[in-house]
Amino acid sequence: MSKISGRNNLTAILSIVTIGATLSFGMTGAIAADEVTEDQILRALAPPAKKPLTRGLSVGPQQAEPVISAEEGRFVQKIRGRPSRSLSASEREEIATLAKDKPNIDLEITFDYNSAEISAKSLASVQALGKALSSADLKGSTFIVAGHTDAAGSDGYNQDLSERRADSIKRYLTEKYGIAGADLVTVGYGESKLKDPSQPLAEANRRVQVVNMANKTTASKQ
């Protein structure tokens, strides 16, 4: 189990961090848990604007650049509605590869010690996420909810913990905000993808990442 060094409380803390150019909050560094807003999440997860249609001199009309390729679309459909524990190691890696170029945000979510129950202090962050994902701008997209831990504890324990915590967030979003379960693909990475590999026990490694895999025009429903 991930433990917070130098603290006596029984809360394991995940760190809010900005993701490069994906987040344009007009500031640098981490954002405190109580400062994250629905608007910030919306801007981070918004799909890239499509290029306007133009007519070339000799090649005819140019199509808007797709948000997701046909191959990616087939993979997204394959994993939609799957429980996190059913994903193979290769499928988890493929998700991670595709997610690198998609709109994403890391959120600070705190859980009770040795538990996947969302702590009361993190409800505001999860509620902001729920409002954002159920908004007209994002509703119907397929989202990855990925859980990460630090390097404390065994590989197997951390893998299981990351999956349970991602599932806990999915359950809250579906129950409280009516988001379709198939639109939320949960995956756990345990300690395999540390945010700060130079400090394997750092809080920045204990996080939940949300990735917008496809907009609502490309994600069919099941």
Protein backbone atom coordinates (compact mmCIF):
# COMPACT_ATOMS: atom_id res chain seq x y z
CA MET A 1 0.00 0.00 0.00
CA SER A 2 1.25 3.51 -0.83
CA LYS A 3 2.17 5.38 2.36
CA ILE A 4 2.72 9.11 2.74
CA SER A 5 6.16 9.65 4.25
CA GLY A 6 6.33 12.00 7.19
CA ARG A 7 2.57 12.18 7.77
CA ASN A 8 0.45 10.51 10.38
CA ASN A 9 -2.95 10.71 8.69
CA LEU A 10 -4.41 7.69 6.98
CA THR A 11 -4.91 9.19 3.54
CA ALA A 12 -3.04 8.22 0.40
CA ILE A 13 -2.71 11.30 -1.79
CA LEU A 14 -2.62 11.61 -5.54
CA SER A 15 -1.15 14.79 -7.01
CA ILE A 16 -2.80 17.22 -9.42
CA VAL A 17 -0.33 18.11 -12.13
CA THR A 18 -0.72 19.85 -15.43
CA ILE A 19 -0.02 17.94 -18.64
CA GLY A 20 2.16 20.06 -20.90
CA ALA A 21 0.29 22.06 -23.48
CA THR A 22 -2.90 20.10 -22.87
CA LEU A 23 -3.73 22.36 -19.94
CA SER A 24 -3.70 26.10 -20.60
CA PHE A 25 -4.63 27.47 -17.20
CA GLY A 26 -2.37 30.51 -17.51
CA MET A 27 -0.16 29.21 -14.72
CA THR A 28 2.59 26.72 -14.06
CA GLY A 29 3.00 23.99 -11.48
CA ALA A 30 0.45 21.88 -9.68
CA ILE A 31 -3.12 22.94 -8.93
CA ALA A 32 -4.45 22.43 -5.43
CA ALA A 33 -7.27 19.92 -5.06
CA ASP A 34 -9.81 22.53 -4.03
CA GLU A 35 -8.98 24.75 -7.02
CA VAL A 36 -9.74 22.40 -9.90
CA THR A 37 -12.91 23.44 -11.69
CA GLU A 38 -15.30 22.05 -14.25
CA ASP A 39 -14.09 24.65 -16.76
CA GLN A 40 -10.46 23.63 -16.33
CA ILE A 41 -11.34 19.99 -16.90
CA LEU A 42 -13.45 20.90 -19.92
CA ARG A 43 -10.59 22.82 -21.50
CA ALA A 44 -8.10 20.05 -20.78
CA LEU A 45 -10.28 17.30 -22.26
CA ALA A 46 -11.73 19.23 -25.21
CA PRO A 47 -10.93 17.50 -28.52
CA PRO A 48 -8.67 19.46 -30.87
CA ALA A 49 -10.51 21.84 -33.14
CA LYS A 50 -11.11 20.47 -36.59
CA LYS A 51 -9.46 22.25 -39.46
CA PRO A 52 -11.92 24.18 -41.66
CA LEU A 53 -12.72 22.66 -45.01
CA THR A 54 -10.79 24.34 -47.81
CA ARG A 55 -10.53 23.73 -51.52
CA GLY A 56 -7.07 23.01 -52.89
CA LEU A 57 -5.96 24.26 -56.25
CA SER A 58 -5.84 20.82 -57.82
CA VAL A 59 -6.71 18.16 -55.26
CA GLY A 60 -10.32 19.10 -54.58
CA PRO A 61 -11.98 19.52 -51.14
CA GLN A 62 -9.86 18.72 -48.09
CA GLN A 63 -11.49 16.82 -45.27
CA ALA A 64 -11.25 17.84 -41.65
CA GLU A 65 -8.56 15.91 -39.81
CA PRO A 66 -10.24 13.05 -37.88
CA VAL A 67 -10.03 13.00 -34.10
CA ILE A 68 -9.47 9.23 -34.10
CA SER A 69 -8.33 6.86 -36.83
CA ALA A 70 -10.35 3.87 -37.97
CA GLU A 71 -7.87 1.49 -36.32
CA GLU A 72 -8.01 3.40 -33.05
CA GLY A 73 -11.78 3.48 -33.27
CA ARG A 74 -11.92 -0.31 -33.54
CA PHE A 75 -9.69 -0.67 -30.51
CA VAL A 76 -11.77 1.78 -28.49
CA GLN A 77 -14.90 -0.19 -29.33
CA LYS A 78 -13.11 -3.39 -28.27
CA ILE A 79 -12.36 -2.09 -24.79
CA ARG A 80 -15.61 -0.19 -24.17
CA GLY A 81 -17.67 -1.77 -21.42
CA ARG A 82 -14.84 -4.04 -20.28
CA PRO A 83 -13.96 -4.37 -16.58
CA SER A 84 -10.46 -3.14 -15.79
CA ARG A 85 -9.27 -6.57 -14.66
CA SER A 86 -10.19 -8.08 -18.03
CA LEU A 87 -7.66 -5.92 -19.87
CA SER A 88 -4.50 -7.74 -20.86
CA ALA A 89 -1.04 -6.27 -20.35
CA SER A 90 -0.79 -5.61 -24.10
CA GLU A 91 -4.16 -3.85 -24.13
CA ARG A 92 -3.09 -1.66 -21.20
CA GLU A 93 0.06 -0.72 -23.09
CA GLU A 94 -1.92 0.07 -26.24
CA ILE A 95 -4.21 2.33 -24.22
CA ALA A 96 -1.16 4.14 -22.81
CA THR A 97 0.33 4.59 -26.28
CA LEU A 98 -2.87 6.01 -27.76
CA ALA A 99 -3.43 8.25 -24.75
CA LYS A 100 -0.15 10.10 -25.25
CA ASP A 101 -1.59 12.16 -28.09
CA LYS A 102 -5.09 12.62 -26.69
CA PRO A 103 -6.50 15.41 -24.49
CA ASN A 104 -5.87 14.38 -20.89
CA ILE A 105 -5.63 15.62 -17.32
CA ASP A 106 -4.16 14.27 -14.09
CA LEU A 107 -6.42 14.77 -11.08
CA GLU A 108 -5.74 14.72 -7.37
CA ILE A 109 -8.04 12.17 -5.84
CA THR A 110 -7.56 11.09 -2.23
CA PHE A 111 -8.68 7.77 -0.81
CA ASP A 112 -8.93 6.43 2.69
CA TYR A 113 -5.95 4.40 3.86
CA ASN A 114 -5.81 0.94 2.30
CA SER A 115 -9.12 1.64 0.59
CA ALA A 116 -10.67 2.50 -2.75
CA GLU A 117 -13.30 4.70 -1.09
CA ILE A 118 -13.09 8.31 -2.29
CA SER A 119 -12.37 10.58 0.66
CA ALA A 120 -14.73 13.40 1.55
CA LYS A 121 -12.07 16.01 0.78
CA SER A 122 -11.89 14.82 -2.84
CA LEU A 123 -15.59 14.84 -3.62
CA ALA A 124 -15.42 18.36 -5.04
CA SER A 125 -12.79 17.27 -7.56
CA VAL A 126 -14.77 14.19 -8.58
CA GLN A 127 -17.95 16.25 -8.83
CA ALA A 128 -16.20 18.77 -11.09
CA LEU A 129 -15.13 15.85 -13.25
CA GLY A 130 -18.67 14.48 -13.35
CA LYS A 131 -20.10 17.84 -14.42
CA ALA A 132 -17.47 18.19 -17.13
CA LEU A 133 -17.92 14.71 -18.57
CA SER A 134 -21.70 15.05 -18.64
CA SER A 135 -21.63 18.50 -20.26
CA ALA A 136 -22.83 19.00 -23.83
CA ASP A 137 -19.24 19.58 -24.98
CA LEU A 138 -17.98 16.18 -23.80
CA LYS A 139 -21.05 14.03 -23.30
CA GLY A 140 -20.88 10.82 -25.30
CA SER A 141 -17.11 10.71 -25.65
CA THR A 142 -15.17 7.65 -24.57
CA PHE A 143 -12.88 8.36 -21.63
CA ILE A 144 -10.04 6.40 -20.09
CA VAL A 145 -9.90 6.58 -16.29
CA ALA A 146 -6.42 5.36 -15.38
CA GLY A 147 -5.24 4.72 -11.84
CA HIS A 148 -1.57 5.03 -10.83
CA THR A 149 0.32 4.43 -7.58
CA ASP A 150 3.80 5.16 -6.33
CA ALA A 151 6.46 2.44 -5.97
CA ALA A 152 5.77 1.57 -2.33
CA GLY A 153 4.38 -1.91 -1.83
CA SER A 154 4.44 -4.94 -4.13
CA ASP A 155 3.75 -4.79 -7.86
CA GLY A 156 0.70 -7.01 -7.53
CA TYR A 157 -0.81 -5.04 -4.69
CA ASN A 158 -0.31 -1.71 -6.44
CA GLN A 159 -1.79 -3.04 -9.67
CA ASP A 160 -4.90 -4.20 -7.85
CA LEU A 161 -5.17 -0.96 -5.88
CA SER A 162 -4.89 1.20 -8.99
CA GLU A 163 -7.67 -0.78 -10.67
CA ARG A 164 -9.98 -0.62 -7.65
CA ARG A 165 -9.53 3.13 -7.32
CA ALA A 166 -10.19 3.74 -11.01
CA ASP A 167 -13.31 1.57 -10.73
CA SER A 168 -14.43 3.53 -7.67
CA ILE A 169 -14.34 6.78 -9.62
CA LYS A 170 -16.22 5.20 -12.52
CA ARG A 171 -18.91 3.91 -10.16
CA TYR A 172 -19.38 7.36 -8.63
CA LEU A 173 -19.63 9.05 -12.04
CA THR A 174 -22.18 6.57 -13.37
CA GLU A 175 -24.32 6.60 -10.23
CA LYS A 176 -24.25 10.35 -9.52
CA TYR A 177 -24.06 11.82 -13.02
CA GLY A 178 -25.69 9.18 -15.20
CA ILE A 179 -22.64 8.79 -17.41
CA ALA A 180 -22.87 5.59 -19.44
CA GLY A 181 -20.61 2.93 -18.02
CA ALA A 182 -19.38 1.96 -21.49
CA ASP A 183 -18.14 5.52 -21.97
CA LEU A 184 -15.73 5.14 -19.04
CA VAL A 185 -12.94 2.63 -19.59
CA THR A 186 -11.03 1.98 -16.37
CA VAL A 187 -7.46 0.75 -16.37
CA GLY A 188 -4.84 0.34 -13.66
CA TYR A 189 -1.11 0.77 -14.11
CA GLY A 190 0.03 0.33 -10.53
CA GLU A 191 3.57 1.66 -10.22
CA SER A 192 4.54 0.85 -13.83
CA LYS A 193 4.20 4.41 -15.17
CA LEU A 194 5.61 6.73 -12.57
CA LYS A 195 5.06 10.43 -13.20
CA ASP A 196 8.40 11.16 -11.51
CA PRO A 197 10.66 8.11 -11.94
CA SER A 198 13.52 9.90 -10.16
CA GLN A 199 11.40 9.95 -6.99
CA PRO A 200 9.41 6.70 -7.01
CA LEU A 201 7.67 7.47 -3.70
CA ALA A 202 6.69 11.04 -4.63
CA GLU A 203 3.07 12.15 -4.36
CA ALA A 204 3.07 13.08 -8.06
CA ASN A 205 3.08 9.38 -8.87
CA ARG A 206 -0.18 8.74 -6.98
CA ARG A 207 -2.72 10.02 -9.46
CA VAL A 208 -5.75 9.39 -11.61
CA GLN A 209 -5.48 10.32 -15.27
CA VAL A 210 -8.52 10.98 -17.46
CA VAL A 211 -8.09 10.79 -21.23
CA ASN A 212 -10.57 11.73 -23.96
CA MET A 213 -10.13 8.94 -26.53
CA ALA A 214 -12.78 9.93 -29.05
CA ASN A 215 -15.42 12.60 -29.48
CA LYS A 216 -19.11 11.84 -29.49
CA THR A 217 -19.32 11.70 -33.28
CA THR A 218 -16.96 8.73 -33.42
CA ALA A 219 -17.81 6.74 -30.31
CA SER A 220 -20.82 4.56 -31.00
CA LYS A 221 -22.93 3.33 -28.14
CA GLN A 222 -23.32 -0.20 -26.90
